[in-house]
Amino acid sequence: MNHSFILGDAVSKWTTADMPDLTGRVAVITGANTGLGFETATALAERGAEVVLACRDQGKAKAAADRIGRRVPGAVIDTVELDLASLASVRVAAAAIGARHDRVDLLINNAGVTGLSGTTEDGFEVQFGVNHLGHFALTGLLLDRITAADAARVVTVSSIGHRFGRIDPDDPAAPIGNAYGKSKLANLLFTYELDRRLADTSAVALAAHPGGASTEVFRYSPAAFRLPNLAIARLFGRTPAMGALPTLRAATDPSAAGSEYYGPSGLFGIQGYPERVRSSSDSRDRHRQGRLWEVSERLTGVQYPARALKVD
């Protein structure tokens, strides 16, 4: 077992059985109709949380809600249309969530794409636009609901692929290097900066990665990219349910703290049960964190409310 990036003193087998009761908590999960998001939403519902499935395809979202309802009789489930490739859609979705809920206890920024080319509706490289900018905007637009909750958490799903990402500290939006790795690095830079800015509130921000999980994140990727990744996931037995465990631990473990990063404890971070792990040195660069934040506010037009945040 590779312990080089594990921070805990011992590797435990944390599972959904270790989750606390979440009755009365409101959880918003992006991309919750399939894969990691669906398993995350189901597990939260099983512990009593009211779950909001924020998904691009409302037909699939409603079908997912029905599946969760069958698995968890009595579950309270809502669906909201959200296309992270459209800032207009993000604004509409945030407004809808805010109108229905006076607080958000858990925001799980789970949705993601990989292996795609092209741009979003707003002209951003699609992986950076969906994986980072869409979630940056959604979180900012929901921040008043997040800080209204008692001890809320924002969990953003990154990837071991963040280690292959590069971000120009002077121009974070510049299209350089591995686009997916860049977007996943951005997820971590955003998480650490957000958590620092939440210091004067009861909310915290954390991140997680699923390891080598077999999910539909590759469904739109070219076969040459999709098939090897799925083969690796299946080789190591990483089902979506196992892949969701790091997210669930970051979201619910009472001992988890802000700016922590959770992922599988096993070989190369691909397999195993979730533990607190270390991200790359680039992800912990405060200059990159601050510059990405500034650029993200400018590109999305979403200004985080200063009254709710600590700004150095």
C-alpha atoms as a PDB file:
ATOM      1  CA  MET A   1       0.000   0.000   0.000  1.00  0.00           C
ATOM      2  CA  ASN A   2       1.306   3.448  -0.906  1.00  0.00           C
ATOM      3  CA  HIS A   3       1.206   5.720   2.155  1.00  0.00           C
ATOM      4  CA  SER A   4       3.153   8.635   0.659  1.00  0.00           C
ATOM      5  CA  PHE A   5       0.124  10.894   0.351  1.00  0.00           C
ATOM      6  CA  ILE A   6      -1.905   9.601   3.324  1.00  0.00           C
ATOM      7  CA  LEU A   7      -2.043  11.943   6.315  1.00  0.00           C
ATOM      8  CA  GLY A   8      -3.928   9.789   8.830  1.00  0.00           C
ATOM      9  CA  ASP A   9      -2.055   7.734  11.409  1.00  0.00           C
ATOM     10  CA  ALA A  10      -3.806   4.534  10.376  1.00  0.00           C
ATOM     11  CA  VAL A  11      -5.874   3.371   7.455  1.00  0.00           C
ATOM     12  CA  SER A  12      -9.467   2.663   8.469  1.00  0.00           C
ATOM     13  CA  LYS A  13     -12.294   1.139   6.471  1.00  0.00           C
ATOM     14  CA  TRP A  14     -14.711   4.063   6.600  1.00  0.00           C
ATOM     15  CA  THR A  15     -18.043   3.238   4.961  1.00  0.00           C
ATOM     16  CA  THR A  16     -21.563   4.633   4.817  1.00  0.00           C
ATOM     17  CA  ALA A  17     -22.229   2.776   8.074  1.00  0.00           C
ATOM     18  CA  ASP A  18     -20.060   5.445   9.747  1.00  0.00           C
ATOM     19  CA  MET A  19     -22.219   8.341   8.538  1.00  0.00           C
ATOM     20  CA  PRO A  20     -24.147  10.263  11.212  1.00  0.00           C
ATOM     21  CA  ASP A  21     -27.870  10.952  11.171  1.00  0.00           C
ATOM     22  CA  LEU A  22     -28.633  13.789   8.729  1.00  0.00           C
ATOM     23  CA  THR A  23     -32.318  14.289   9.410  1.00  0.00           C
ATOM     24  CA  GLY A  24     -33.333  17.854   8.640  1.00  0.00           C
ATOM     25  CA  ARG A  25     -30.226  18.635   6.594  1.00  0.00           C
ATOM     26  CA  VAL A  26     -30.549  19.899   3.012  1.00  0.00           C
ATOM     27  CA  ALA A  27     -28.014  18.547   0.518  1.00  0.00           C
ATOM     28  CA  VAL A  28     -27.593  19.798  -3.058  1.00  0.00           C
ATOM     29  CA  ILE A  29     -25.662  17.450  -5.367  1.00  0.00           C
ATOM     30  CA  THR A  30     -24.706  18.367  -8.926  1.00  0.00           C
ATOM     31  CA  GLY A  31     -24.716  15.615 -11.533  1.00  0.00           C
ATOM     32  CA  ALA A  32     -26.740  13.412  -9.203  1.00  0.00           C
ATOM     33  CA  ASN A  33     -28.650  11.369 -11.764  1.00  0.00           C
ATOM     34  CA  THR A  34     -25.871   8.828 -12.316  1.00  0.00           C
ATOM     35  CA  GLY A  35     -22.544   7.449 -11.073  1.00  0.00           C
ATOM     36  CA  LEU A  36     -20.875   9.068  -8.088  1.00  0.00           C
ATOM     37  CA  GLY A  37     -23.546  11.738  -7.731  1.00  0.00           C
ATOM     38  CA  PHE A  38     -26.375   9.212  -7.636  1.00  0.00           C
ATOM     39  CA  GLU A  39     -24.603   7.072  -5.026  1.00  0.00           C
ATOM     40  CA  THR A  40     -23.806  10.180  -2.980  1.00  0.00           C
ATOM     41  CA  ALA A  41     -27.416  11.371  -3.092  1.00  0.00           C
ATOM     42  CA  THR A  42     -28.739   7.915  -2.191  1.00  0.00           C
ATOM     43  CA  ALA A  43     -26.432   7.551   0.808  1.00  0.00           C
ATOM     44  CA  LEU A  44     -27.348  11.010   2.097  1.00  0.00           C
ATOM     45  CA  ALA A  45     -31.047  10.232   1.696  1.00  0.00           C
ATOM     46  CA  GLU A  46     -30.588   6.976   3.597  1.00  0.00           C
ATOM     47  CA  ARG A  47     -29.277   9.017   6.529  1.00  0.00           C
ATOM     48  CA  GLY A  48     -32.312  11.306   6.456  1.00  0.00           C
ATOM     49  CA  ALA A  49     -31.070  14.278   4.441  1.00  0.00           C
ATOM     50  CA  GLU A  50     -33.398  16.101   2.063  1.00  0.00           C
ATOM     51  CA  VAL A  51     -31.596  15.821  -1.272  1.00  0.00           C
ATOM     52  CA  VAL A  52     -31.734  18.137  -4.264  1.00  0.00           C
ATOM     53  CA  LEU A  53     -30.611  16.545  -7.532  1.00  0.00           C
ATOM     54  CA  ALA A  54     -29.175  19.350  -9.675  1.00  0.00           C
ATOM     55  CA  CYS A  55     -28.884  17.877 -13.174  1.00  0.00           C
ATOM     56  CA  ARG A  56     -28.803  18.967 -16.804  1.00  0.00           C
ATOM     57  CA  ASP A  57     -31.363  16.409 -18.013  1.00  0.00           C
ATOM     58  CA  GLN A  58     -34.565  16.658 -15.987  1.00  0.00           C
ATOM     59  CA  GLY A  59     -35.941  13.405 -17.371  1.00  0.00           C
ATOM     60  CA  LYS A  60     -32.896  11.552 -16.030  1.00  0.00           C
ATOM     61  CA  ALA A  61     -33.045  13.511 -12.784  1.00  0.00           C
ATOM     62  CA  LYS A  62     -36.644  12.511 -12.157  1.00  0.00           C
ATOM     63  CA  ALA A  63     -35.845   8.886 -13.010  1.00  0.00           C
ATOM     64  CA  ALA A  64     -32.964   9.012 -10.508  1.00  0.00           C
ATOM     65  CA  ALA A  65     -35.279  10.510  -7.891  1.00  0.00           C
ATOM     66  CA  ASP A  66     -37.692   7.629  -8.448  1.00  0.00           C
ATOM     67  CA  ARG A  67     -34.867   5.085  -8.043  1.00  0.00           C
ATOM     68  CA  ILE A  68     -33.751   6.702  -4.799  1.00  0.00           C
ATOM     69  CA  GLY A  69     -37.355   6.763  -3.595  1.00  0.00           C
ATOM     70  CA  ARG A  70     -37.664   3.030  -4.192  1.00  0.00           C
ATOM     71  CA  ARG A  71     -34.420   2.353  -2.320  1.00  0.00           C
ATOM     72  CA  VAL A  72     -35.216   4.808   0.475  1.00  0.00           C
ATOM     73  CA  PRO A  73     -38.970   4.854   1.148  1.00  0.00           C
ATOM     74  CA  GLY A  74     -40.043   8.207   2.533  1.00  0.00           C
ATOM     75  CA  ALA A  75     -36.996  10.049   1.209  1.00  0.00           C
ATOM     76  CA  VAL A  76     -37.504  13.760   0.491  1.00  0.00           C
ATOM     77  CA  ILE A  77     -36.129  14.415  -2.989  1.00  0.00           C
ATOM     78  CA  ASP A  78     -36.222  17.481  -5.191  1.00  0.00           C
ATOM     79  CA  THR A  79     -34.840  18.067  -8.688  1.00  0.00           C
ATOM     80  CA  VAL A  80     -33.505  21.248 -10.252  1.00  0.00           C
ATOM     81  CA  GLU A  81     -32.406  21.796 -13.835  1.00  0.00           C
ATOM     82  CA  LEU A  82     -28.743  22.770 -13.959  1.00  0.00           C
ATOM     83  CA  ASP A  83     -26.465  22.975 -16.985  1.00  0.00           C
ATOM     84  CA  LEU A  84     -22.998  23.884 -15.739  1.00  0.00           C
ATOM     85  CA  ALA A  85     -21.954  24.731 -19.298  1.00  0.00           C
ATOM     86  CA  SER A  86     -24.317  27.733 -19.196  1.00  0.00           C
ATOM     87  CA  LEU A  87     -23.910  30.520 -16.655  1.00  0.00           C
ATOM     88  CA  ALA A  88     -27.486  31.578 -17.375  1.00  0.00           C
ATOM     89  CA  SER A  89     -28.661  28.095 -16.363  1.00  0.00           C
ATOM     90  CA  VAL A  90     -26.506  28.229 -13.216  1.00  0.00           C
ATOM     91  CA  ARG A  91     -28.186  31.489 -12.198  1.00  0.00           C
ATOM     92  CA  VAL A  92     -31.672  30.092 -12.798  1.00  0.00           C
ATOM     93  CA  ALA A  93     -30.854  26.912 -10.859  1.00  0.00           C
ATOM     94  CA  ALA A  94     -29.396  28.838  -7.908  1.00  0.00           C
ATOM     95  CA  ALA A  95     -32.477  31.068  -7.810  1.00  0.00           C
ATOM     96  CA  ALA A  96     -34.760  28.017  -7.837  1.00  0.00           C
ATOM     97  CA  ILE A  97     -32.840  26.353  -5.003  1.00  0.00           C
ATOM     98  CA  GLY A  98     -32.846  29.586  -3.009  1.00  0.00           C
ATOM     99  CA  ALA A  99     -36.580  30.010  -3.492  1.00  0.00           C
ATOM    100  CA  ARG A 100     -37.315  26.513  -2.176  1.00  0.00           C
ATOM    101  CA  HIS A 101     -34.786  26.314   0.657  1.00  0.00           C
ATOM    102  CA  ASP A 102     -33.808  28.912   3.234  1.00  0.00           C
ATOM    103  CA  ARG A 103     -30.508  27.134   3.828  1.00  0.00           C
ATOM    104  CA  VAL A 104     -28.158  24.604   2.206  1.00  0.00           C
ATOM    105  CA  ASP A 105     -26.305  22.400   4.683  1.00  0.00           C
ATOM    106  CA  LEU A 106     -24.319  20.445   2.110  1.00  0.00           C
ATOM    107  CA  LEU A 107     -23.327  21.508  -1.385  1.00  0.00           C
ATOM    108  CA  ILE A 108     -21.652  18.681  -3.275  1.00  0.00           C
ATOM    109  CA  ASN A 109     -19.963  19.985  -6.432  1.00  0.00           C
ATOM    110  CA  ASN A 110     -19.820  16.561  -8.060  1.00  0.00           C
ATOM    111  CA  ALA A 111     -20.647  16.895 -11.762  1.00  0.00           C
ATOM    112  CA  GLY A 112     -17.810  16.756 -14.254  1.00  0.00           C
ATOM    113  CA  VAL A 113     -16.784  16.054 -17.819  1.00  0.00           C
ATOM    114  CA  THR A 114     -13.547  14.763 -19.298  1.00  0.00           C
ATOM    115  CA  GLY A 115     -12.051  14.000 -22.673  1.00  0.00           C
ATOM    116  CA  LEU A 116     -14.170  16.630 -24.420  1.00  0.00           C
ATOM    117  CA  SER A 117     -13.149  19.426 -26.751  1.00  0.00           C
ATOM    118  CA  GLY A 118     -14.931  22.646 -27.603  1.00  0.00           C
ATOM    119  CA  THR A 119     -16.370  25.482 -25.557  1.00  0.00           C
ATOM    120  CA  THR A 120     -19.274  26.189 -23.246  1.00  0.00           C
ATOM    121  CA  GLU A 121     -22.217  28.451 -24.086  1.00  0.00           C
ATOM    122  CA  ASP A 122     -20.191  31.324 -22.647  1.00  0.00           C
ATOM    123  CA  GLY A 123     -17.061  30.573 -24.681  1.00  0.00           C
ATOM    124  CA  PHE A 124     -14.907  28.854 -22.037  1.00  0.00           C
ATOM    125  CA  GLU A 125     -12.909  25.672 -22.686  1.00  0.00           C
ATOM    126  CA  VAL A 126     -15.544  23.076 -21.841  1.00  0.00           C
ATOM    127  CA  GLN A 127     -13.771  21.130 -19.082  1.00  0.00           C
ATOM    128  CA  PHE A 128     -12.582  24.251 -17.260  1.00  0.00           C
ATOM    129  CA  GLY A 129     -15.983  25.840 -17.824  1.00  0.00           C
ATOM    130  CA  VAL A 130     -18.070  22.947 -16.515  1.00  0.00           C
ATOM    131  CA  ASN A 131     -15.802  21.445 -13.873  1.00  0.00           C
ATOM    132  CA  HIS A 132     -14.607  24.702 -12.321  1.00  0.00           C
ATOM    133  CA  LEU A 133     -16.338  27.884 -13.477  1.00  0.00           C
ATOM    134  CA  GLY A 134     -19.861  26.444 -13.344  1.00  0.00           C
ATOM    135  CA  HIS A 135     -19.336  25.213  -9.793  1.00  0.00           C
ATOM    136  CA  PHE A 136     -17.580  28.429  -8.756  1.00  0.00           C
ATOM    137  CA  ALA A 137     -20.618  30.390  -9.923  1.00  0.00           C
ATOM    138  CA  LEU A 138     -23.144  28.033  -8.323  1.00  0.00           C
ATOM    139  CA  THR A 139     -21.363  28.105  -4.971  1.00  0.00           C
ATOM    140  CA  GLY A 140     -21.173  31.891  -4.991  1.00  0.00           C
ATOM    141  CA  LEU A 141     -24.820  32.272  -5.888  1.00  0.00           C
ATOM    142  CA  LEU A 142     -25.829  29.907  -3.068  1.00  0.00           C
ATOM    143  CA  LEU A 143     -23.421  31.317  -0.507  1.00  0.00           C
ATOM    144  CA  ASP A 144     -26.087  33.162   1.466  1.00  0.00           C
ATOM    145  CA  ARG A 145     -28.007  29.893   1.850  1.00  0.00           C
ATOM    146  CA  ILE A 146     -24.811  28.025   2.769  1.00  0.00           C
ATOM    147  CA  THR A 147     -23.765  30.501   5.456  1.00  0.00           C
ATOM    148  CA  ALA A 148     -27.337  30.550   6.805  1.00  0.00           C
ATOM    149  CA  ALA A 149     -26.944  26.893   7.790  1.00  0.00           C
ATOM    150  CA  ASP A 150     -25.287  25.690  10.972  1.00  0.00           C
ATOM    151  CA  ALA A 151     -21.873  24.180  10.138  1.00  0.00           C
ATOM    152  CA  ALA A 152     -22.487  23.811   6.396  1.00  0.00           C
ATOM    153  CA  ARG A 153     -19.990  22.097   4.122  1.00  0.00           C
ATOM    154  CA  VAL A 154     -19.056  22.640   0.486  1.00  0.00           C
ATOM    155  CA  VAL A 155     -17.404  19.532  -0.979  1.00  0.00           C
ATOM    156  CA  THR A 156     -15.900  19.732  -4.457  1.00  0.00           C
ATOM    157  CA  VAL A 157     -14.922  16.560  -6.283  1.00  0.00           C
ATOM    158  CA  SER A 158     -11.431  16.730  -7.782  1.00  0.00           C
ATOM    159  CA  SER A 159      -9.288  13.914  -9.194  1.00  0.00           C
ATOM    160  CA  ILE A 160      -5.847  12.337  -8.922  1.00  0.00           C
ATOM    161  CA  GLY A 161      -5.557  13.837 -12.412  1.00  0.00           C
ATOM    162  CA  HIS A 162      -5.064  17.253 -10.787  1.00  0.00           C
ATOM    163  CA  ARG A 163      -1.393  16.318 -10.472  1.00  0.00           C
ATOM    164  CA  PHE A 164      -1.088  16.523 -14.264  1.00  0.00           C
ATOM    165  CA  GLY A 165      -2.768  19.913 -14.468  1.00  0.00           C
ATOM    166  CA  ARG A 166      -1.052  23.249 -14.979  1.00  0.00           C
ATOM    167  CA  ILE A 167      -2.403  26.718 -14.298  1.00  0.00           C
ATOM    168  CA  ASP A 168      -0.558  29.860 -15.296  1.00  0.00           C
ATOM    169  CA  PRO A 169      -0.572  31.925 -12.065  1.00  0.00           C
ATOM    170  CA  ASP A 170      -0.719  35.133 -14.093  1.00  0.00           C
ATOM    171  CA  ASP A 171      -3.452  33.936 -16.473  1.00  0.00           C
ATOM    172  CA  PRO A 172      -5.434  31.081 -14.862  1.00  0.00           C
ATOM    173  CA  ALA A 173      -7.825  30.827 -17.811  1.00  0.00           C
ATOM    174  CA  ALA A 174      -5.056  30.324 -20.372  1.00  0.00           C
ATOM    175  CA  PRO A 175      -5.596  27.042 -22.305  1.00  0.00           C
ATOM    176  CA  ILE A 176      -2.352  25.254 -21.429  1.00  0.00           C
ATOM    177  CA  GLY A 177      -1.501  21.617 -20.806  1.00  0.00           C
ATOM    178  CA  ASN A 178      -3.944  18.870 -19.885  1.00  0.00           C
ATOM    179  CA  ALA A 179      -7.409  20.479 -19.888  1.00  0.00           C
ATOM    180  CA  TYR A 180      -8.991  17.936 -17.533  1.00  0.00           C
ATOM    181  CA  GLY A 181      -6.048  18.024 -15.129  1.00  0.00           C
ATOM    182  CA  LYS A 182      -6.196  21.817 -15.162  1.00  0.00           C
ATOM    183  CA  SER A 183      -9.900  21.818 -14.268  1.00  0.00           C
ATOM    184  CA  LYS A 184      -9.322  19.376 -11.416  1.00  0.00           C
ATOM    185  CA  LEU A 185      -6.403  21.449 -10.122  1.00  0.00           C
ATOM    186  CA  ALA A 186      -8.733  24.446 -10.259  1.00  0.00           C
ATOM    187  CA  ASN A 187     -11.233  22.539  -8.085  1.00  0.00           C
ATOM    188  CA  LEU A 188      -8.624  22.260  -5.337  1.00  0.00           C
ATOM    189  CA  LEU A 189      -7.322  25.809  -5.650  1.00  0.00           C
ATOM    190  CA  PHE A 190     -10.936  26.991  -5.350  1.00  0.00           C
ATOM    191  CA  THR A 191     -11.621  24.759  -2.330  1.00  0.00           C
ATOM    192  CA  TYR A 192      -8.635  25.978  -0.339  1.00  0.00           C
ATOM    193  CA  GLU A 193      -9.278  29.642  -1.125  1.00  0.00           C
ATOM    194  CA  LEU A 194     -12.993  29.285  -0.333  1.00  0.00           C
ATOM    195  CA  ASP A 195     -12.276  27.630   2.995  1.00  0.00           C
ATOM    196  CA  ARG A 196      -9.896  30.418   3.958  1.00  0.00           C
ATOM    197  CA  ARG A 197     -12.521  33.028   3.063  1.00  0.00           C
ATOM    198  CA  LEU A 198     -15.165  31.170   5.096  1.00  0.00           C
ATOM    199  CA  ALA A 199     -13.042  31.494   8.236  1.00  0.00           C
ATOM    200  CA  ASP A 200     -15.447  33.923   9.936  1.00  0.00           C
ATOM    201  CA  THR A 201     -18.472  31.681   9.315  1.00  0.00           C
ATOM    202  CA  SER A 202     -19.432  28.223  10.559  1.00  0.00           C
ATOM    203  CA  ALA A 203     -19.168  26.804   7.020  1.00  0.00           C
ATOM    204  CA  VAL A 204     -16.133  24.962   5.663  1.00  0.00           C
ATOM    205  CA  ALA A 205     -14.935  23.797   2.257  1.00  0.00           C
ATOM    206  CA  LEU A 206     -13.353  20.400   1.583  1.00  0.00           C
ATOM    207  CA  ALA A 207     -12.443  18.315  -1.460  1.00  0.00           C
ATOM    208  CA  ALA A 208     -12.438  14.655  -2.408  1.00  0.00           C
ATOM    209  CA  HIS A 209     -11.483  12.374  -5.260  1.00  0.00           C
ATOM    210  CA  PRO A 210     -12.930   8.968  -6.136  1.00  0.00           C
ATOM    211  CA  GLY A 211      -9.784   7.168  -7.237  1.00  0.00           C
ATOM    212  CA  GLY A 212     -10.270   4.925 -10.267  1.00  0.00           C
ATOM    213  CA  ALA A 213     -14.047   4.671 -10.215  1.00  0.00           C
ATOM    214  CA  SER A 214     -16.087   3.280 -13.093  1.00  0.00           C
ATOM    215  CA  THR A 215     -18.605   6.038 -13.792  1.00  0.00           C
ATOM    216  CA  GLU A 216     -20.236   7.815 -16.723  1.00  0.00           C
ATOM    217  CA  VAL A 217     -17.784  10.737 -16.574  1.00  0.00           C
ATOM    218  CA  PHE A 218     -16.144   9.173 -19.650  1.00  0.00           C
ATOM    219  CA  ARG A 219     -19.360   8.648 -21.589  1.00  0.00           C
ATOM    220  CA  TYR A 220     -18.763  11.463 -24.099  1.00  0.00           C
ATOM    221  CA  SER A 221     -15.025  10.848 -24.421  1.00  0.00           C
ATOM    222  CA  PRO A 222     -13.371   9.348 -27.507  1.00  0.00           C
ATOM    223  CA  ALA A 223     -13.078   5.543 -27.297  1.00  0.00           C
ATOM    224  CA  ALA A 224      -9.269   5.712 -27.171  1.00  0.00           C
ATOM    225  CA  PHE A 225      -9.557   7.728 -23.957  1.00  0.00           C
ATOM    226  CA  ARG A 226     -12.685   6.140 -22.494  1.00  0.00           C
ATOM    227  CA  LEU A 227     -11.930   2.431 -22.775  1.00  0.00           C
ATOM    228  CA  PRO A 228      -8.516   2.336 -21.013  1.00  0.00           C
ATOM    229  CA  ASN A 229      -9.853   4.413 -18.114  1.00  0.00           C
ATOM    230  CA  LEU A 230     -12.882   2.167 -17.678  1.00  0.00           C
ATOM    231  CA  ALA A 231     -10.645  -0.923 -17.841  1.00  0.00           C
ATOM    232  CA  ILE A 232      -8.448   0.422 -15.026  1.00  0.00           C
ATOM    233  CA  ALA A 233     -11.481   1.211 -12.884  1.00  0.00           C
ATOM    234  CA  ARG A 234     -12.938  -2.248 -13.370  1.00  0.00           C
ATOM    235  CA  LEU A 235      -9.559  -3.902 -12.753  1.00  0.00           C
ATOM    236  CA  PHE A 236      -9.412  -2.360  -9.287  1.00  0.00           C
ATOM    237  CA  GLY A 237     -13.092  -2.980  -8.530  1.00  0.00           C
ATOM    238  CA  ARG A 238     -13.943   0.697  -8.089  1.00  0.00           C
ATOM    239  CA  THR A 239     -17.707   0.817  -8.340  1.00  0.00           C
ATOM    240  CA  PRO A 240     -19.509   4.173  -8.179  1.00  0.00           C
ATOM    241  CA  ALA A 241     -20.570   3.296  -4.623  1.00  0.00           C
ATOM    242  CA  MET A 242     -16.925   2.872  -3.580  1.00  0.00           C
ATOM    243  CA  GLY A 243     -15.933   5.960  -5.540  1.00  0.00           C
ATOM    244  CA  ALA A 244     -18.498   8.045  -3.654  1.00  0.00           C
ATOM    245  CA  LEU A 245     -17.090   7.179  -0.228  1.00  0.00           C
ATOM    246  CA  PRO A 246     -14.417   9.928  -0.144  1.00  0.00           C
ATOM    247  CA  THR A 247     -17.051  12.543  -0.994  1.00  0.00           C
ATOM    248  CA  LEU A 248     -19.381  11.191   1.663  1.00  0.00           C
ATOM    249  CA  ARG A 249     -16.654  11.175   4.291  1.00  0.00           C
ATOM    250  CA  ALA A 250     -15.705  14.777   3.481  1.00  0.00           C
ATOM    251  CA  ALA A 251     -19.373  15.745   3.624  1.00  0.00           C
ATOM    252  CA  THR A 252     -20.421  13.953   6.812  1.00  0.00           C
ATOM    253  CA  ASP A 253     -17.549  12.741   8.999  1.00  0.00           C
ATOM    254  CA  PRO A 254     -17.786  14.817  12.211  1.00  0.00           C
ATOM    255  CA  SER A 255     -13.987  14.807  12.491  1.00  0.00           C
ATOM    256  CA  ALA A 256     -13.428  16.200   8.976  1.00  0.00           C
ATOM    257  CA  ALA A 257     -12.228  19.807   8.877  1.00  0.00           C
ATOM    258  CA  GLY A 258     -12.012  22.605   6.353  1.00  0.00           C
ATOM    259  CA  SER A 259      -9.370  22.421   3.596  1.00  0.00           C
ATOM    260  CA  GLU A 260      -9.031  18.655   4.001  1.00  0.00           C
ATOM    261  CA  TYR A 261      -8.851  16.399   0.953  1.00  0.00           C
ATOM    262  CA  TYR A 262     -10.165  12.828   0.983  1.00  0.00           C
ATOM    263  CA  GLY A 263      -9.405   9.954  -1.358  1.00  0.00           C
ATOM    264  CA  PRO A 264      -8.770   6.208  -1.486  1.00  0.00           C
ATOM    265  CA  SER A 265      -5.959   5.036   0.771  1.00  0.00           C
ATOM    266  CA  GLY A 266      -4.582   2.290  -1.490  1.00  0.00           C
ATOM    267  CA  LEU A 267      -2.117   1.928  -4.333  1.00  0.00           C
ATOM    268  CA  PHE A 268      -1.517   5.231  -6.185  1.00  0.00           C
ATOM    269  CA  GLY A 269      -4.738   6.583  -4.700  1.00  0.00           C
ATOM    270  CA  ILE A 270      -6.775   4.366  -7.035  1.00  0.00           C
ATOM    271  CA  GLN A 271      -8.321   1.883  -4.637  1.00  0.00           C
ATOM    272  CA  GLY A 272      -9.111   1.489  -0.950  1.00  0.00           C
ATOM    273  CA  TYR A 273     -11.269   3.181   1.649  1.00  0.00           C
ATOM    274  CA  PRO A 274     -11.303   6.959   2.095  1.00  0.00           C
ATOM    275  CA  GLU A 275      -8.631   8.696   4.119  1.00  0.00           C
ATOM    276  CA  ARG A 276      -7.326  12.232   4.386  1.00  0.00           C
ATOM    277  CA  VAL A 277      -4.740  12.587   1.626  1.00  0.00           C
ATOM    278  CA  ARG A 278      -2.340  15.249   0.371  1.00  0.00           C
ATOM    279  CA  SER A 279      -2.815  17.186  -2.855  1.00  0.00           C
ATOM    280  CA  SER A 280      -0.069  18.580  -5.065  1.00  0.00           C
ATOM    281  CA  SER A 281       2.123  21.512  -4.051  1.00  0.00           C
ATOM    282  CA  ASP A 282       0.668  23.545  -6.936  1.00  0.00           C
ATOM    283  CA  SER A 283      -2.829  23.134  -5.474  1.00  0.00           C
ATOM    284  CA  ARG A 284      -1.600  24.613  -2.192  1.00  0.00           C
ATOM    285  CA  ASP A 285       0.011  27.664  -3.789  1.00  0.00           C
ATOM    286  CA  ARG A 286      -1.749  30.681  -2.272  1.00  0.00           C
ATOM    287  CA  HIS A 287      -0.833  32.981  -5.144  1.00  0.00           C
ATOM    288  CA  ARG A 288      -2.470  30.614  -7.649  1.00  0.00           C
ATOM    289  CA  GLN A 289      -5.500  30.275  -5.375  1.00  0.00           C
ATOM    290  CA  GLY A 290      -5.989  34.012  -5.117  1.00  0.00           C
ATOM    291  CA  ARG A 291      -5.439  34.709  -8.807  1.00  0.00           C
ATOM    292  CA  LEU A 292      -7.810  31.940  -9.872  1.00  0.00           C
ATOM    293  CA  TRP A 293     -10.452  33.381  -7.548  1.00  0.00           C
ATOM    294  CA  GLU A 294     -10.087  36.866  -9.011  1.00  0.00           C
ATOM    295  CA  VAL A 295     -10.239  35.605 -12.588  1.00  0.00           C
ATOM    296  CA  SER A 296     -13.186  33.306 -11.844  1.00  0.00           C
ATOM    297  CA  GLU A 297     -15.215  36.180 -10.422  1.00  0.00           C
ATOM    298  CA  ARG A 298     -14.455  38.234 -13.520  1.00  0.00           C
ATOM    299  CA  LEU A 299     -15.237  35.466 -16.015  1.00  0.00           C
ATOM    300  CA  THR A 300     -18.469  34.325 -14.353  1.00  0.00           C
ATOM    301  CA  GLY A 301     -19.694  37.727 -13.231  1.00  0.00           C
ATOM    302  CA  VAL A 302     -20.408  36.198  -9.811  1.00  0.00           C
ATOM    303  CA  GLN A 303     -19.052  38.317  -6.976  1.00  0.00           C
ATOM    304  CA  TYR A 304     -19.013  36.493  -3.660  1.00  0.00           C
ATOM    305  CA  PRO A 305     -20.691  38.630  -0.960  1.00  0.00           C
ATOM    306  CA  ALA A 306     -17.945  40.310   1.065  1.00  0.00           C
ATOM    307  CA  ARG A 307     -20.190  40.482   4.153  1.00  0.00           C
ATOM    308  CA  ALA A 308     -20.073  36.691   4.433  1.00  0.00           C
ATOM    309  CA  LEU A 309     -16.395  36.148   3.745  1.00  0.00           C
ATOM    310  CA  LYS A 310     -13.033  36.952   5.221  1.00  0.00           C
ATOM    311  CA  VAL A 311     -10.824  38.684   2.663  1.00  0.00           C
ATOM    312  CA  ASP A 312      -7.135  39.156   3.480  1.00  0.00           C
END
